[in-house]
Amino acid sequence: MTDAPPTTAPTPVRIFLVVADDSPEFTVALTYACQRAAKVSGKVALLYVMEPIEFQNWRAIEDLMREERRLDGEQILQRHAKDVVRLTGTVPVFYLREGDRRSELLKLLEEDHSITVLVLASGSGPEGPGPLLTHFASSGYSRLRIPLTVVPGTLTEAEIAAVA
């Protein structure tokens, strides 16, 4: 019998999920996630959730509206993917869903166990921290199976680089 060298399991790739939208806070969350992913040889994933359409009279029009919103969502993801590639050198993972943003986020996290960190930035305006952060800060955190990283939405790129 020979002594075989111990085998080590490969380190799983850390995937940082950011919920995509066009808010200024999203840019901060994305920049932070990209810089963290680059430092740990991880990846960035982008989730875009389309609001459902409630147009019940004309099915063909509803389908056309849904397809237009899907194309808009794909364009938003592609636009942000350029930043991810620039900052990490890797192509992000895309998730495009329809429904309530909070519910779809939680469903995704339940379904895809490769996602290891959720990154959100706090709102910087008078509206407060944002609906997702408000939910997770109150009762929703117990439903998360992964760490939540909250980034102040007012950070500059230099400040993000210093903390990432």
Protein backbone atom coordinates (compact mmCIF):
# COMPACT_ATOMS: atom_id res chain seq x y z
CA MET A 1 0.00 0.00 0.00
CA THR A 2 1.42 3.38 -0.98
CA ASP A 3 0.82 6.67 0.62
CA ALA A 4 -1.17 8.77 -1.80
CA PRO A 5 -0.92 12.51 -1.41
CA PRO A 6 -3.98 13.99 0.23
CA THR A 7 -6.47 15.34 -2.21
CA THR A 8 -7.96 18.72 -1.70
CA ALA A 9 -11.31 19.71 -3.06
CA PRO A 10 -11.13 22.54 -5.54
CA THR A 11 -12.09 25.87 -4.05
CA PRO A 12 -15.51 26.83 -5.36
CA VAL A 13 -15.70 30.02 -7.37
CA ARG A 14 -17.28 32.83 -5.41
CA ILE A 15 -20.18 34.38 -7.30
CA PHE A 16 -21.27 37.89 -6.33
CA LEU A 17 -24.89 38.59 -7.31
CA VAL A 18 -26.01 42.17 -8.01
CA VAL A 19 -29.63 43.10 -8.78
CA ALA A 20 -29.47 45.23 -11.93
CA ASP A 21 -31.38 48.42 -12.49
CA ASP A 22 -30.56 51.94 -13.60
CA SER A 23 -30.18 53.52 -10.16
CA PRO A 24 -26.97 55.30 -9.13
CA GLU A 25 -26.68 52.82 -6.24
CA PHE A 26 -26.55 49.91 -8.66
CA THR A 27 -23.35 51.28 -10.17
CA VAL A 28 -21.77 51.37 -6.71
CA ALA A 29 -22.88 47.80 -5.91
CA LEU A 30 -21.65 46.57 -9.29
CA THR A 31 -18.26 48.25 -8.94
CA TYR A 32 -17.80 46.78 -5.47
CA ALA A 33 -18.86 43.28 -6.60
CA CYS A 34 -16.49 43.45 -9.58
CA GLN A 35 -13.54 44.53 -7.48
CA ARG A 36 -14.20 41.81 -4.88
CA ALA A 37 -14.64 39.18 -7.59
CA ALA A 38 -11.40 40.23 -9.26
CA LYS A 39 -9.50 39.96 -5.96
CA VAL A 40 -10.74 36.45 -5.17
CA SER A 41 -10.83 35.09 -8.75
CA GLY A 42 -14.61 35.06 -8.53
CA LYS A 43 -17.41 35.97 -10.90
CA VAL A 44 -20.19 38.51 -10.99
CA ALA A 45 -23.81 37.59 -11.68
CA LEU A 46 -26.46 40.10 -12.70
CA LEU A 47 -30.17 39.66 -12.00
CA TYR A 48 -32.70 41.78 -13.85
CA VAL A 49 -36.36 41.38 -12.91
CA MET A 50 -39.08 42.62 -15.23
CA GLU A 51 -42.32 43.74 -13.62
CA PRO A 52 -45.26 41.56 -14.71
CA ILE A 53 -47.73 42.88 -17.27
CA GLU A 54 -51.40 43.10 -16.31
CA PHE A 55 -52.92 43.54 -19.77
CA GLN A 56 -55.60 40.86 -19.98
CA ASN A 57 -57.84 41.99 -22.83
CA TRP A 58 -55.55 41.29 -25.76
CA ARG A 59 -53.20 38.32 -25.44
CA ALA A 60 -51.19 39.24 -28.56
CA ILE A 61 -50.55 42.76 -27.26
CA GLU A 62 -49.57 41.39 -23.85
CA ASP A 63 -47.10 39.00 -25.51
CA LEU A 64 -45.65 41.82 -27.60
CA MET A 65 -45.25 44.04 -24.53
CA ARG A 66 -43.60 41.20 -22.62
CA GLU A 67 -41.16 40.59 -25.48
CA GLU A 68 -40.28 44.31 -25.66
CA ARG A 69 -39.61 44.37 -21.91
CA ARG A 70 -37.49 41.24 -22.22
CA LEU A 71 -35.41 42.88 -24.95
CA ASP A 72 -35.04 45.99 -22.75
CA GLY A 73 -33.87 43.78 -19.87
CA GLU A 74 -31.37 42.00 -22.10
CA GLN A 75 -30.01 45.35 -23.28
CA ILE A 76 -29.60 46.55 -19.70
CA LEU A 77 -27.73 43.36 -18.79
CA GLN A 78 -25.51 43.62 -21.88
CA ARG A 79 -24.72 47.27 -21.14
CA HIS A 80 -23.65 46.43 -17.59
CA ALA A 81 -21.77 43.35 -18.77
CA LYS A 82 -19.28 45.65 -20.48
CA ASP A 83 -18.40 47.14 -17.09
CA VAL A 84 -18.05 43.68 -15.56
CA VAL A 85 -15.69 42.54 -18.31
CA ARG A 86 -13.68 45.76 -18.01
CA LEU A 87 -13.32 45.43 -14.23
CA THR A 88 -12.94 41.65 -13.88
CA GLY A 89 -11.86 40.31 -17.24
CA THR A 90 -14.72 37.79 -17.12
CA VAL A 91 -18.19 37.68 -18.61
CA PRO A 92 -20.95 37.87 -15.97
CA VAL A 93 -23.64 35.30 -15.41
CA PHE A 94 -27.06 36.64 -16.46
CA TYR A 95 -30.43 36.01 -14.84
CA LEU A 96 -33.53 37.55 -16.42
CA ARG A 97 -36.83 36.99 -14.66
CA GLU A 98 -40.37 38.33 -14.58
CA GLY A 99 -42.30 39.04 -11.40
CA ASP A 100 -41.87 40.79 -8.09
CA ARG A 101 -38.19 41.74 -7.65
CA ARG A 102 -37.91 40.57 -4.04
CA SER A 103 -39.72 37.28 -4.68
CA GLU A 104 -37.70 36.51 -7.80
CA LEU A 105 -34.45 37.30 -6.01
CA LEU A 106 -35.31 34.91 -3.18
CA LYS A 107 -36.40 32.19 -5.64
CA LEU A 108 -33.12 32.52 -7.53
CA LEU A 109 -31.10 32.21 -4.34
CA GLU A 110 -33.07 29.10 -3.37
CA GLU A 111 -32.57 27.53 -6.82
CA ASP A 112 -28.96 28.40 -7.60
CA HIS A 113 -26.53 27.38 -4.87
CA SER A 114 -23.52 28.57 -6.86
CA ILE A 115 -24.29 32.16 -5.82
CA THR A 116 -22.28 32.89 -2.69
CA VAL A 117 -22.75 36.61 -1.89
CA LEU A 118 -25.54 39.12 -2.52
CA VAL A 119 -24.28 42.69 -2.99
CA LEU A 120 -26.65 45.63 -2.58
CA ALA A 121 -25.94 49.33 -2.26
CA SER A 122 -28.00 51.55 0.00
CA GLY A 123 -30.02 54.35 -1.53
CA SER A 124 -28.40 57.74 -1.26
CA GLY A 125 -31.54 59.85 -1.55
CA PRO A 126 -34.31 60.87 0.84
CA GLU A 127 -36.36 57.78 -0.14
CA GLY A 128 -34.31 55.64 2.21
CA PRO A 129 -32.09 52.62 1.70
CA GLY A 130 -34.21 51.04 -1.05
CA PRO A 131 -36.95 48.41 -1.04
CA LEU A 132 -34.69 45.35 -1.08
CA LEU A 133 -32.49 46.61 1.74
CA THR A 134 -35.51 47.67 3.76
CA HIS A 135 -36.96 44.17 3.39
CA PHE A 136 -33.74 42.39 4.33
CA ALA A 137 -33.05 44.76 7.22
CA SER A 138 -36.41 43.98 8.76
CA SER A 139 -37.74 40.44 8.40
CA GLY A 140 -36.26 39.21 5.14
CA TYR A 141 -32.68 38.54 6.25
CA SER A 142 -33.65 35.24 7.82
CA ARG A 143 -34.67 33.95 4.37
CA LEU A 144 -31.19 34.48 2.91
CA ARG A 145 -28.88 31.47 2.81
CA ILE A 146 -25.85 33.56 1.83
CA PRO A 147 -24.12 36.66 3.19
CA LEU A 148 -25.51 40.05 2.24
CA THR A 149 -22.94 42.76 1.62
CA VAL A 150 -24.35 46.28 1.91
CA VAL A 151 -22.30 49.01 0.28
CA PRO A 152 -23.03 52.68 1.02
CA GLY A 153 -24.50 54.10 -2.16
CA THR A 154 -22.46 57.28 -1.90
CA LEU A 155 -19.02 55.68 -2.18
CA THR A 156 -16.70 56.90 -4.92
CA GLU A 157 -14.68 54.50 -7.08
CA ALA A 158 -11.57 55.31 -5.02
CA GLU A 159 -13.41 54.57 -1.78
CA ILE A 160 -14.74 51.31 -3.21
CA ALA A 161 -11.22 50.30 -4.23
CA ALA A 162 -10.01 50.99 -0.70
CA VAL A 163 -12.60 48.72 0.93
CA ALA A 164 -13.00 46.01 -1.71
